[in-house]
Amino acid sequence: MQIREASEADWPSIWPFLGEIVRAGETYTYDRDLSEEDARSMWMIPSPGRTVVAVEEDGTVLGTAKMNPNHMGGASHIASASFMVDAAHSGRGTGRALGEHVIAWAREQGYRAIQFNAVVETNSRAVALWQSLGFEIMTTLPEGFRHPTEGFVGLHIMYRQL
């Protein structure tokens, strides 16, 4: 697996699984009716952010991540990131590889920490992955997320100092 900068040419491979994940409404706070155009502008972010893809040797896109300052101004020293892995390729270490890549990128860019603002507590695989990579649950907003089948569930804020 290789992780490289995403290009506009990657978008047709990203959108099908990104759109599916968003429409499911189980793990992201995005509008479930998010249009492809809005998704592209939200995901394929400009500098100082960065969007990457994890690809197989044959070029198949397995997953993607976007990373950026969590806030501007006086809080711009804290990074944030979002991740999407194609369900057809889950369980193969793509999320972990992307997570490790983001941590290395944030460190190289001089960020002091990484904060995830909204990790849905029922997304147990993601929570376990982030904890295994050194992230802590700082707090949970009770009933902060309306899950389509679980009802109102907590929304974790997770943090990792660099």
Foldseek 3Di string as FASTA:
>chain_A
DDKDFDDPVCLVLAVVQVLVVLLQQAWDPDDNPDDSVNVCDVACDDPVKTKMFDADPVGRTFWIKIKAQPDDDPRSLEMEMDITGRPVNPPPCRVLVVVVVRVVVSVVVRRFKYKYFWGFPVVVVVVVSVVVVAKDFPDWDFQPGQRPPPGRGITTIIMHGD
